[in-house]
PDB file of N, CA and C in Angstrom:
ATOM      1  N   MET A   1     146.836  39.029 104.250  1.00  0.00           N
ATOM      2  CA  MET A   1     145.739  40.603 104.577  1.00  0.00           C
ATOM      3  C   MET A   1     145.367  40.176 106.183  1.00  0.00           C
ATOM      4  N   THR A   2     145.717  40.856 107.030  1.00  0.00           N
ATOM      5  CA  THR A   2     144.947  40.423 107.781  1.00  0.00           C
ATOM      6  C   THR A   2     143.947  40.761 108.293  1.00  0.00           C
ATOM      7  N   ALA A   3     142.920  40.424 109.415  1.00  0.00           N
ATOM      8  CA  ALA A   3     141.701  40.621 109.461  1.00  0.00           C
ATOM      9  C   ALA A   3     141.214  42.020 109.439  1.00  0.00           C
ATOM     10  N   LEU A   4     142.052  42.662 110.416  1.00  0.00           N
ATOM     11  CA  LEU A   4     141.591  44.085 110.482  1.00  0.00           C
ATOM     12  C   LEU A   4     141.781  44.941 109.291  1.00  0.00           C
ATOM     13  N   ALA A   5     142.398  44.278 108.506  1.00  0.00           N
ATOM     14  CA  ALA A   5     143.209  45.441 107.164  1.00  0.00           C
ATOM     15  C   ALA A   5     141.970  44.983 106.265  1.00  0.00           C
ATOM     16  N   MET A   6     141.357  43.700 106.326  1.00  0.00           N
ATOM     17  CA  MET A   6     140.399  42.962 105.765  1.00  0.00           C
ATOM     18  C   MET A   6     139.150  43.717 106.243  1.00  0.00           C
ATOM     19  N   GLN A   7     138.740  44.216 107.499  1.00  0.00           N
ATOM     20  CA  GLN A   7     137.479  44.972 107.801  1.00  0.00           C
ATOM     21  C   GLN A   7     137.758  46.197 107.361  1.00  0.00           C
ATOM     22  N   THR A   8     139.009  46.907 107.572  1.00  0.00           N
ATOM     23  CA  THR A   8     139.205  48.039 107.422  1.00  0.00           C
ATOM     24  C   THR A   8     139.058  48.450 105.498  1.00  0.00           C
ATOM     25  N   LEU A   9     139.602  47.665 104.859  1.00  0.00           N
ATOM     26  CA  LEU A   9     139.060  47.696 103.155  1.00  0.00           C
ATOM     27  C   LEU A   9     137.635  47.780 103.031  1.00  0.00           C
ATOM     28  N   ALA A  10     136.785  47.142 103.348  1.00  0.00           N
ATOM     29  CA  ALA A  10     135.399  46.567 103.231  1.00  0.00           C
ATOM     30  C   ALA A  10     134.739  48.243 103.979  1.00  0.00           C
ATOM     31  N   ILE A  11     135.442  48.440 104.561  1.00  0.00           N
ATOM     32  CA  ILE A  11     133.975  49.873 105.306  1.00  0.00           C
ATOM     33  C   ILE A  11     134.855  51.042 104.549  1.00  0.00           C
ATOM     34  N   VAL A  12     135.996  50.888 104.124  1.00  0.00           N
ATOM     35  CA  VAL A  12     136.603  52.210 103.063  1.00  0.00           C
ATOM     36  C   VAL A  12     135.762  51.990 101.753  1.00  0.00           C
ATOM     37  N   SER A  13     135.281  50.649 101.130  1.00  0.00           N
ATOM     38  CA  SER A  13     135.232  50.433 100.175  1.00  0.00           C
ATOM     39  C   SER A  13     133.312  50.728 100.182  1.00  0.00           C
ATOM     40  N   LEU A  14     132.395  50.108 101.539  1.00  0.00           N
ATOM     41  CA  LEU A  14     131.098  50.501 101.492  1.00  0.00           C
ATOM     42  C   LEU A  14     131.064  51.951 101.036  1.00  0.00           C
ATOM     43  N   CYS A  15     132.227  52.704 102.171  1.00  0.00           N
ATOM     44  CA  CYS A  15     131.788  54.064 102.424  1.00  0.00           C
ATOM     45  C   CYS A  15     132.103  54.822 100.609  1.00  0.00           C
ATOM     46  N   ALA A  16     132.750  54.461 100.173  1.00  0.00           N
ATOM     47  CA  ALA A  16     133.181  54.946  98.629  1.00  0.00           C
ATOM     48  C   ALA A  16     131.876  54.766  97.308  1.00  0.00           C
ATOM     49  N   VAL A  17     131.270  53.427  98.120  1.00  0.00           N
ATOM     50  CA  VAL A  17     130.375  53.166  97.329  1.00  0.00           C
ATOM     51  C   VAL A  17     128.978  54.111  97.179  1.00  0.00           C
ATOM     52  N   SER A  18     129.133  54.368  98.883  1.00  0.00           N
ATOM     53  CA  SER A  18     127.526  55.001  99.097  1.00  0.00           C
ATOM     54  C   SER A  18     128.401  56.441  99.163  1.00  0.00           C
ATOM     55  N   ALA A  19     129.119  56.689  98.273  1.00  0.00           N
ATOM     56  CA  ALA A  19     128.996  58.677  98.444  1.00  0.00           C
ATOM     57  C   ALA A  19     128.561  58.750  96.993  1.00  0.00           C
ATOM     58  N   SER A  20     129.504  57.834  95.813  1.00  0.00           N
ATOM     59  CA  SER A  20     129.234  57.984  94.500  1.00  0.00           C
ATOM     60  C   SER A  20     127.810  57.393  94.178  1.00  0.00           C
ATOM     61  N   GLY A  21     127.164  56.874  94.871  1.00  0.00           N
ATOM     62  CA  GLY A  21     125.805  56.541  94.733  1.00  0.00           C
ATOM     63  C   GLY A  21     125.069  57.802  94.735  1.00  0.00           C
ATOM     64  N   TYR A  22     125.388  58.756  95.702  1.00  0.00           N
ATOM     65  CA  TYR A  22     124.524  60.101  95.984  1.00  0.00           C
ATOM     66  C   TYR A  22     125.058  60.281  95.033  1.00  0.00           C
ATOM     67  N   ALA A  23     125.871  60.755  94.791  1.00  0.00           N
ATOM     68  CA  ALA A  23     126.641  61.478  93.838  1.00  0.00           C
ATOM     69  C   ALA A  23     125.519  61.569  92.300  1.00  0.00           C
ATOM     70  N   PHE A  24     125.008  60.824  92.306  1.00  0.00           N
ATOM     71  CA  PHE A  24     124.355  60.381  90.817  1.00  0.00           C
ATOM     72  C   PHE A  24     123.113  60.105  91.268  1.00  0.00           C
ATOM     73  N   SER A  25     122.303  60.199  92.336  1.00  0.00           N
ATOM     74  CA  SER A  25     120.776  59.951  92.635  1.00  0.00           C
ATOM     75  C   SER A  25     120.408  61.029  92.064  1.00  0.00           C
ATOM     76  N   TRP A  26     118.657  60.890  92.070  1.00  0.00           N
ATOM     77  CA  TRP A  26     118.181  61.837  91.237  1.00  0.00           C
ATOM     78  C   TRP A  26     117.883  63.078  92.379  1.00  0.00           C
ATOM     79  N   ASP A  27     118.220  63.369  93.308  1.00  0.00           N
ATOM     80  CA  ASP A  27     118.501  64.364  94.191  1.00  0.00           C
ATOM     81  C   ASP A  27     119.535  64.593  95.012  1.00  0.00           C
ATOM     82  N   SER A  28     120.945  64.566  93.933  1.00  0.00           N
ATOM     83  CA  SER A  28     122.152  64.698  94.147  1.00  0.00           C
ATOM     84  C   SER A  28     122.267  66.255  93.575  1.00  0.00           C
ATOM     85  N   PRO A  29     123.452  66.959  94.916  1.00  0.00           N
ATOM     86  CA  PRO A  29     123.428  68.419  94.478  1.00  0.00           C
ATOM     87  C   PRO A  29     124.540  68.629  93.835  1.00  0.00           C
ATOM     88  N   VAL A  30     125.008  67.257  93.264  1.00  0.00           N
ATOM     89  CA  VAL A  30     126.196  67.704  92.122  1.00  0.00           C
ATOM     90  C   VAL A  30     126.085  67.205  90.985  1.00  0.00           C
ATOM     91  N   LYS A  31     124.556  66.565  90.800  1.00  0.00           N
ATOM     92  CA  LYS A  31     124.787  66.242  89.169  1.00  0.00           C
ATOM     93  C   LYS A  31     124.084  66.961  88.130  1.00  0.00           C
ATOM     94  N   PRO A  32     124.067  67.246  87.215  1.00  0.00           N
ATOM     95  CA  PRO A  32     123.754  68.169  86.274  1.00  0.00           C
ATOM     96  C   PRO A  32     122.183  67.457  85.688  1.00  0.00           C
ATOM     97  N   PHE A  33     121.412  68.858  85.455  1.00  0.00           N
ATOM     98  CA  PHE A  33     120.566  68.351  85.114  1.00  0.00           C
ATOM     99  C   PHE A  33     119.809  69.279  83.965  1.00  0.00           C
ATOM    100  N   GLY A  34     118.879  68.322  83.055  1.00  0.00           N
ATOM    101  CA  GLY A  34     118.509  69.512  81.843  1.00  0.00           C
ATOM    102  C   GLY A  34     117.723  70.780  82.151  1.00  0.00           C
ATOM    103  N   THR A  35     117.448  71.661  80.942  1.00  0.00           N
ATOM    104  CA  THR A  35     116.378  72.803  81.599  1.00  0.00           C
ATOM    105  C   THR A  35     115.625  72.388  80.333  1.00  0.00           C
ATOM    106  N   GLU A  36     115.408  71.633  79.618  1.00  0.00           N
ATOM    107  CA  GLU A  36     114.415  71.598  78.490  1.00  0.00           C
ATOM    108  C   GLU A  36     113.166  71.622  79.304  1.00  0.00           C
ATOM    109  N   THR A  37     112.646  71.029  80.146  1.00  0.00           N
ATOM    110  CA  THR A  37     111.816  70.912  80.621  1.00  0.00           C
ATOM    111  C   THR A  37     111.236  72.328  81.558  1.00  0.00           C
ATOM    112  N   ASN A  38     112.255  73.207  81.389  1.00  0.00           N
ATOM    113  CA  ASN A  38     111.558  74.426  82.357  1.00  0.00           C
ATOM    114  C   ASN A  38     110.019  75.170  81.944  1.00  0.00           C
ATOM    115  N   GLY A  39     109.524  75.237  83.142  1.00  0.00           N
ATOM    116  CA  GLY A  39     107.917  75.977  82.975  1.00  0.00           C
ATOM    117  C   GLY A  39     107.983  77.158  81.866  1.00  0.00           C
ATOM    118  N   ARG A  40     108.962  78.197  82.749  1.00  0.00           N
ATOM    119  CA  ARG A  40     109.046  79.236  82.048  1.00  0.00           C
ATOM    120  C   ARG A  40     110.614  79.766  82.375  1.00  0.00           C
ATOM    121  N   GLU A  41     111.228  80.663  81.291  1.00  0.00           N
ATOM    122  CA  GLU A  41     112.335  81.269  81.792  1.00  0.00           C
ATOM    123  C   GLU A  41     112.894  82.055  82.826  1.00  0.00           C
ATOM    124  N   THR A  42     111.404  83.126  82.661  1.00  0.00           N
ATOM    125  CA  THR A  42     111.505  84.182  84.023  1.00  0.00           C
ATOM    126  C   THR A  42     110.376  83.646  84.576  1.00  0.00           C
ATOM    127  N   MET A  43     110.862  83.777  86.597  1.00  0.00           N
ATOM    128  CA  MET A  43     110.022  83.481  87.522  1.00  0.00           C
ATOM    129  C   MET A  43     110.064  84.905  88.278  1.00  0.00           C
ATOM    130  N   LEU A  44     109.270  85.442  89.121  1.00  0.00           N
ATOM    131  CA  LEU A  44     109.479  86.237  90.480  1.00  0.00           C
ATOM    132  C   LEU A  44     109.577  84.899  91.687  1.00  0.00           C
ATOM    133  N   ILE A  45     110.755  85.234  91.968  1.00  0.00           N
ATOM    134  CA  ILE A  45     110.317  84.216  93.197  1.00  0.00           C
ATOM    135  C   ILE A  45     110.770  85.282  94.553  1.00  0.00           C
ATOM    136  N   THR A  46     109.926  84.501  95.658  1.00  0.00           N
ATOM    137  CA  THR A  46     109.968  84.721  96.810  1.00  0.00           C
ATOM    138  C   THR A  46     109.965  84.226  97.945  1.00  0.00           C
ATOM    139  N   TRP A  47     111.088  84.008  98.896  1.00  0.00           N
ATOM    140  CA  TRP A  47     111.996  83.463  99.457  1.00  0.00           C
ATOM    141  C   TRP A  47     111.483  83.690 100.943  1.00  0.00           C
ATOM    142  N   LYS A  48     110.866  82.797 102.061  1.00  0.00           N
ATOM    143  CA  LYS A  48     110.597  83.376 102.952  1.00  0.00           C
ATOM    144  C   LYS A  48     111.194  82.265 104.117  1.00  0.00           C
ATOM    145  N   PRO A  49     112.026  82.377 104.311  1.00  0.00           N
ATOM    146  CA  PRO A  49     112.535  81.388 106.429  1.00  0.00           C
ATOM    147  C   PRO A  49     111.249  81.639 106.887  1.00  0.00           C
ATOM    148  N   VAL A  50     111.050  80.672 107.359  1.00  0.00           N
ATOM    149  CA  VAL A  50     110.364  80.596 108.708  1.00  0.00           C
ATOM    150  C   VAL A  50     110.560  79.344 109.592  1.00  0.00           C
ATOM    151  N   ASP A  51     110.280  79.335 111.098  1.00  0.00           N
ATOM    152  CA  ASP A  51     110.265  78.899 112.498  1.00  0.00           C
ATOM    153  C   ASP A  51     109.885  77.284 112.280  1.00  0.00           C
ATOM    154  N   ASP A  52     109.237  76.997 111.622  1.00  0.00           N
ATOM    155  CA  ASP A  52     107.964  76.014 111.385  1.00  0.00           C
ATOM    156  C   ASP A  52     107.450  75.539 110.055  1.00  0.00           C
ATOM    157  N   ILE A  53     108.942  75.422 109.436  1.00  0.00           N
ATOM    158  CA  ILE A  53     108.613  74.908 107.975  1.00  0.00           C
ATOM    159  C   ILE A  53     107.707  73.936 107.658  1.00  0.00           C
ATOM    160  N   GLN A  54     107.499  72.566 108.566  1.00  0.00           N
ATOM    161  CA  GLN A  54     106.429  71.579 108.477  1.00  0.00           C
ATOM    162  C   GLN A  54     105.127  72.036 108.372  1.00  0.00           C
ATOM    163  N   GLY A  55     105.087  72.645 109.626  1.00  0.00           N
ATOM    164  CA  GLY A  55     103.555  73.296 109.528  1.00  0.00           C
ATOM    165  C   GLY A  55     103.283  74.473 108.516  1.00  0.00           C
ATOM    166  N   VAL A  56     104.442  75.497 108.396  1.00  0.00           N
ATOM    167  CA  VAL A  56     103.616  75.797 107.367  1.00  0.00           C
ATOM    168  C   VAL A  56     103.256  75.294 105.962  1.00  0.00           C
ATOM    169  N   CYS A  57     104.527  74.545 105.244  1.00  0.00           N
ATOM    170  CA  CYS A  57     104.015  73.621 104.197  1.00  0.00           C
ATOM    171  C   CYS A  57     102.650  72.794 104.207  1.00  0.00           C
ATOM    172  N   GLU A  58     102.725  72.052 105.703  1.00  0.00           N
ATOM    173  CA  GLU A  58     101.380  71.424 105.313  1.00  0.00           C
ATOM    174  C   GLU A  58     100.000  72.464 105.571  1.00  0.00           C
ATOM    175  N   ARG A  59      99.821  73.735 106.401  1.00  0.00           N
ATOM    176  CA  ARG A  59      99.072  74.341 105.900  1.00  0.00           C
ATOM    177  C   ARG A  59      98.916  74.500 104.484  1.00  0.00           C
ATOM    178  N   GLU A  60     100.144  75.566 103.960  1.00  0.00           N
ATOM    179  CA  GLU A  60      99.900  75.732 102.289  1.00  0.00           C
ATOM    180  C   GLU A  60      99.512  74.959 101.720  1.00  0.00           C
ATOM    181  N   TYR A  61     100.094  73.736 101.767  1.00  0.00           N
ATOM    182  CA  TYR A  61      99.290  72.652 100.892  1.00  0.00           C
ATOM    183  C   TYR A  61      97.552  72.610 101.119  1.00  0.00           C
ATOM    184  N   LYS A  62      97.659  72.449 102.322  1.00  0.00           N
ATOM    185  CA  LYS A  62      95.729  71.906 102.362  1.00  0.00           C
ATOM    186  C   LYS A  62      95.147  73.191 101.763  1.00  0.00           C
ATOM    187  N   ARG A  63      95.682  74.714 102.404  1.00  0.00           N
ATOM    188  CA  ARG A  63      95.209  75.258 101.458  1.00  0.00           C
ATOM    189  C   ARG A  63      94.268  75.269 100.099  1.00  0.00           C
ATOM    190  N   ARG A  64      95.640  75.282  99.568  1.00  0.00           N
ATOM    191  CA  ARG A  64      95.839  74.819  98.209  1.00  0.00           C
ATOM    192  C   ARG A  64      95.014  73.243  97.668  1.00  0.00           C
ATOM    193  N   ARG A  65      94.681  72.767  98.671  1.00  0.00           N
ATOM    194  CA  ARG A  65      93.571  71.410  98.086  1.00  0.00           C
ATOM    195  C   ARG A  65      94.705  70.501  97.873  1.00  0.00           C
ATOM    196  N   LEU A  66      95.752  70.374  97.889  1.00  0.00           N
ATOM    197  CA  LEU A  66      96.823  69.559  98.341  1.00  0.00           C
ATOM    198  C   LEU A  66      97.131  68.463  98.920  1.00  0.00           C
ATOM    199  N   SER A  67      97.719  66.631  98.981  1.00  0.00           N
ATOM    200  CA  SER A  67      97.787  66.370  99.961  1.00  0.00           C
ATOM    201  C   SER A  67      98.392  66.851 100.666  1.00  0.00           C
ATOM    202  N   THR A  68      98.737  65.885 102.026  1.00  0.00           N
ATOM    203  CA  THR A  68      99.625  66.601 103.035  1.00  0.00           C
ATOM    204  C   THR A  68     101.243  65.516 102.787  1.00  0.00           C
ATOM    205  N   PHE A  69     101.779  66.107 103.467  1.00  0.00           N
ATOM    206  CA  PHE A  69     103.722  65.420 103.422  1.00  0.00           C
ATOM    207  C   PHE A  69     103.094  64.340 104.278  1.00  0.00           C
ATOM    208  N   SER A  70     103.472  62.906 103.473  1.00  0.00           N
ATOM    209  CA  SER A  70     103.573  62.285 104.570  1.00  0.00           C
ATOM    210  C   SER A  70     105.036  61.710 105.009  1.00  0.00           C
ATOM    211  N   TYR A  71     106.330  62.606 105.308  1.00  0.00           N
ATOM    212  CA  TYR A  71     107.293  62.454 105.597  1.00  0.00           C
ATOM    213  C   TYR A  71     108.255  63.977 106.009  1.00  0.00           C
ATOM    214  N   LYS A  72     108.910  64.213 106.773  1.00  0.00           N
ATOM    215  CA  LYS A  72     109.703  65.642 106.878  1.00  0.00           C
ATOM    216  C   LYS A  72     109.996  66.363 105.957  1.00  0.00           C
ATOM    217  N   VAL A  73     109.334  67.414 106.075  1.00  0.00           N
ATOM    218  CA  VAL A  73     110.079  68.460 104.922  1.00  0.00           C
ATOM    219  C   VAL A  73     111.068  69.643 105.266  1.00  0.00           C
ATOM    220  N   ASP A  74     112.121  70.081 104.703  1.00  0.00           N
ATOM    221  CA  ASP A  74     112.934  71.381 104.918  1.00  0.00           C
ATOM    222  C   ASP A  74     112.676  72.322 104.209  1.00  0.00           C
ATOM    223  N   ALA A  75     111.794  71.890 103.095  1.00  0.00           N
ATOM    224  CA  ALA A  75     111.490  73.396 102.162  1.00  0.00           C
ATOM    225  C   ALA A  75     110.236  73.317 101.404  1.00  0.00           C
ATOM    226  N   CYS A  76     109.498  73.804 101.108  1.00  0.00           N
ATOM    227  CA  CYS A  76     108.629  73.419 100.203  1.00  0.00           C
ATOM    228  C   CYS A  76     108.611  75.047  99.094  1.00  0.00           C
ATOM    229  N   PRO A  77     108.107  74.496  97.544  1.00  0.00           N
ATOM    230  CA  PRO A  77     108.009  75.811  97.213  1.00  0.00           C
ATOM    231  C   PRO A  77     105.972  76.078  96.259  1.00  0.00           C
ATOM    232  N   PHE A  78     105.649  76.966  96.084  1.00  0.00           N
ATOM    233  CA  PHE A  78     104.619  77.004  95.353  1.00  0.00           C
ATOM    234  C   PHE A  78     104.528  78.087  93.926  1.00  0.00           C
ATOM    235  N   TRP A  79     104.217  77.313  92.650  1.00  0.00           N
ATOM    236  CA  TRP A  79     104.666  77.812  91.946  1.00  0.00           C
ATOM    237  C   TRP A  79     103.381  78.168  90.733  1.00  0.00           C
ATOM    238  N   ASN A  80     103.412  78.907  90.144  1.00  0.00           N
ATOM    239  CA  ASN A  80     102.103  79.293  89.132  1.00  0.00           C
ATOM    240  C   ASN A  80     102.934  79.259  87.761  1.00  0.00           C
ATOM    241  N   PHE A  81     102.996  78.842  86.659  1.00  0.00           N
ATOM    242  CA  PHE A  81     103.528  79.154  85.430  1.00  0.00           C
ATOM    243  C   PHE A  81     103.118  79.865  84.747  1.00  0.00           C
ATOM    244  N   THR A  82     101.698  80.437  85.079  1.00  0.00           N
ATOM    245  CA  THR A  82     100.464  81.049  84.350  1.00  0.00           C
ATOM    246  C   THR A  82     101.146  82.819  84.746  1.00  0.00           C
ATOM    247  N   THR A  83     101.194  83.041  86.147  1.00  0.00           N
ATOM    248  CA  THR A  83     101.583  84.463  86.775  1.00  0.00           C
ATOM    249  C   THR A  83     102.927  84.168  86.617  1.00  0.00           C
ATOM    250  N   ARG A  84     104.157  83.211  86.500  1.00  0.00           N
ATOM    251  CA  ARG A  84     105.092  83.386  86.498  1.00  0.00           C
ATOM    252  C   ARG A  84     105.760  83.497  87.832  1.00  0.00           C
ATOM    253  N   THR A  85     105.152  83.208  89.154  1.00  0.00           N
ATOM    254  CA  THR A  85     105.269  83.662  90.415  1.00  0.00           C
ATOM    255  C   THR A  85     105.911  81.828  90.839  1.00  0.00           C
ATOM    256  N   CYS A  86     106.716  82.189  91.982  1.00  0.00           N
ATOM    257  CA  CYS A  86     106.762  81.023  92.982  1.00  0.00           C
ATOM    258  C   CYS A  86     107.135  81.462  94.064  1.00  0.00           C
ATOM    259  N   THR A  87     106.817  81.005  95.300  1.00  0.00           N
ATOM    260  CA  THR A  87     107.246  81.363  96.846  1.00  0.00           C
ATOM    261  C   THR A  87     107.839  80.102  97.382  1.00  0.00           C
ATOM    262  N   ILE A  88     109.078  80.208  97.993  1.00  0.00           N
ATOM    263  CA  ILE A  88     109.735  79.040  98.150  1.00  0.00           C
ATOM    264  C   ILE A  88     109.978  79.518 100.006  1.00  0.00           C
ATOM    265  N   TYR A  89     109.575  78.836 100.461  1.00  0.00           N
ATOM    266  CA  TYR A  89     109.461  78.630 102.357  1.00  0.00           C
ATOM    267  C   TYR A  89     110.826  77.516 102.727  1.00  0.00           C
ATOM    268  N   THR A  90     111.410  78.027 103.606  1.00  0.00           N
ATOM    269  CA  THR A  90     112.574  77.047 104.321  1.00  0.00           C
ATOM    270  C   THR A  90     112.755  77.035 105.374  1.00  0.00           C
ATOM    271  N   LYS A  91     113.392  76.192 106.250  1.00  0.00           N
ATOM    272  CA  LYS A  91     113.545  76.618 107.529  1.00  0.00           C
ATOM    273  C   LYS A  91     114.755  78.014 107.368  1.00  0.00           C
ATOM    274  N   LYS A  92     114.858  78.203 108.921  1.00  0.00           N
ATOM    275  CA  LYS A  92     115.674  79.727 109.064  1.00  0.00           C
ATOM    276  C   LYS A  92     117.292  79.431 108.530  1.00  0.00           C
ATOM    277  N   LEU A  93     117.904  78.284 108.677  1.00  0.00           N
ATOM    278  CA  LEU A  93     118.691  77.800 108.457  1.00  0.00           C
ATOM    279  C   LEU A  93     119.015  76.717 107.350  1.00  0.00           C
ATOM    280  N   PRO A  94     118.704  77.650 105.918  1.00  0.00           N
ATOM    281  CA  PRO A  94     118.704  76.211 105.307  1.00  0.00           C
ATOM    282  C   PRO A  94     119.968  76.233 104.185  1.00  0.00           C
ATOM    283  N   THR A  95     119.943  75.030 104.002  1.00  0.00           N
ATOM    284  CA  THR A  95     121.327  74.892 102.658  1.00  0.00           C
ATOM    285  C   THR A  95     121.369  74.924 101.795  1.00  0.00           C
ATOM    286  N   MET A  96     122.802  75.127 101.586  1.00  0.00           N
ATOM    287  CA  MET A  96     122.307  75.484  99.559  1.00  0.00           C
ATOM    288  C   MET A  96     121.961  74.813  98.535  1.00  0.00           C
ATOM    289  N   HIS A  97     121.726  73.425  99.258  1.00  0.00           N
ATOM    290  CA  HIS A  97     121.354  72.183  98.780  1.00  0.00           C
ATOM    291  C   HIS A  97     119.338  72.080  98.802  1.00  0.00           C
ATOM    292  N   ASP A  98     119.366  72.811  99.821  1.00  0.00           N
ATOM    293  CA  ASP A  98     117.293  73.126 100.267  1.00  0.00           C
ATOM    294  C   ASP A  98     117.058  73.891  99.183  1.00  0.00           C
ATOM    295  N   LEU A  99     117.671  75.189  98.832  1.00  0.00           N
ATOM    296  CA  LEU A  99     116.842  76.615  98.033  1.00  0.00           C
ATOM    297  C   LEU A  99     117.079  75.804  96.670  1.00  0.00           C
ATOM    298  N   GLY A 100     118.280  75.428  96.462  1.00  0.00           N
ATOM    299  CA  GLY A 100     119.048  74.974  94.752  1.00  0.00           C
ATOM    300  C   GLY A 100     117.929  73.628  94.109  1.00  0.00           C
ATOM    301  N   HIS A 101     117.015  72.515  95.290  1.00  0.00           N
ATOM    302  CA  HIS A 101     116.503  71.855  95.023  1.00  0.00           C
ATOM    303  C   HIS A 101     115.027  72.862  94.521  1.00  0.00           C
ATOM    304  N   GLU A 102     114.367  73.576  95.666  1.00  0.00           N
ATOM    305  CA  GLU A 102     113.310  74.486  95.778  1.00  0.00           C
ATOM    306  C   GLU A 102     113.235  75.364  94.780  1.00  0.00           C
ATOM    307  N   MET A 103     114.131  75.835  94.221  1.00  0.00           N
ATOM    308  CA  MET A 103     114.415  76.808  92.860  1.00  0.00           C
ATOM    309  C   MET A 103     113.788  76.204  91.781  1.00  0.00           C
ATOM    310  N   ARG A 104     114.614  75.138  91.527  1.00  0.00           N
ATOM    311  CA  ARG A 104     114.579  73.646  90.437  1.00  0.00           C
ATOM    312  C   ARG A 104     112.787  73.827  90.277  1.00  0.00           C
ATOM    313  N   HIS A 105     112.204  73.503  91.600  1.00  0.00           N
ATOM    314  CA  HIS A 105     110.674  73.040  91.583  1.00  0.00           C
ATOM    315  C   HIS A 105     110.253  74.338  90.768  1.00  0.00           C
ATOM    316  N   CYS A 106     110.503  75.663  91.003  1.00  0.00           N
ATOM    317  CA  CYS A 106     109.602  77.302  90.704  1.00  0.00           C
ATOM    318  C   CYS A 106     109.979  76.597  89.003  1.00  0.00           C
ATOM    319  N   TYR A 107     110.590  76.458  88.489  1.00  0.00           N
ATOM    320  CA  TYR A 107     110.970  76.239  87.124  1.00  0.00           C
ATOM    321  C   TYR A 107     110.529  75.103  86.463  1.00  0.00           C
ATOM    322  N   GLN A 108     110.875  73.664  87.023  1.00  0.00           N
ATOM    323  CA  GLN A 108     110.634  72.787  86.363  1.00  0.00           C
ATOM    324  C   GLN A 108     109.293  72.033  86.916  1.00  0.00           C
ATOM    325  N   GLY A 109     108.496  72.509  87.865  1.00  0.00           N
ATOM    326  CA  GLY A 109     107.482  72.084  88.325  1.00  0.00           C
ATOM    327  C   GLY A 109     107.735  70.650  89.130  1.00  0.00           C
ATOM    328  N   ASN A 110     106.785  69.841  89.251  1.00  0.00           N
ATOM    329  CA  ASN A 110     107.105  68.496  89.993  1.00  0.00           C
ATOM    330  C   ASN A 110     108.191  67.865  89.581  1.00  0.00           C
ATOM    331  N   TRP A 111     109.233  68.163  89.374  1.00  0.00           N
ATOM    332  CA  TRP A 111     110.068  66.847  88.601  1.00  0.00           C
ATOM    333  C   TRP A 111     110.902  65.713  88.976  1.00  0.00           C
ATOM    334  N   HIS A 112     110.405  65.534  90.132  1.00  0.00           N
ATOM    335  CA  HIS A 112     110.839  64.169  90.935  1.00  0.00           C
ATOM    336  C   HIS A 112     109.607  63.385  91.430  1.00  0.00           C
TER     337      HIS A 112
END
């Protein structure tokens, strides 16, 4: 096998391992998850796309006396199992993964 063929094989192998690792990570959009930890079966969910997602999430967390983020966010949810309500804030152009991830928080709270 030539050096170029070995390098190509190594790169393809690394990409495959990397892709399969994501498919089974805790935040994978394709990994199935259980629903036994759902806080409620019925929720009123409000979705608010905003321009400054980082600022909106930081202000809302601060207002609720929660700790601030030490990382960039693409969305954030605020749920209340007692009132069965949840508000999801996303950037104006979210992905299905962004919305699905936050909706899971609405039903399962702080699941990760």
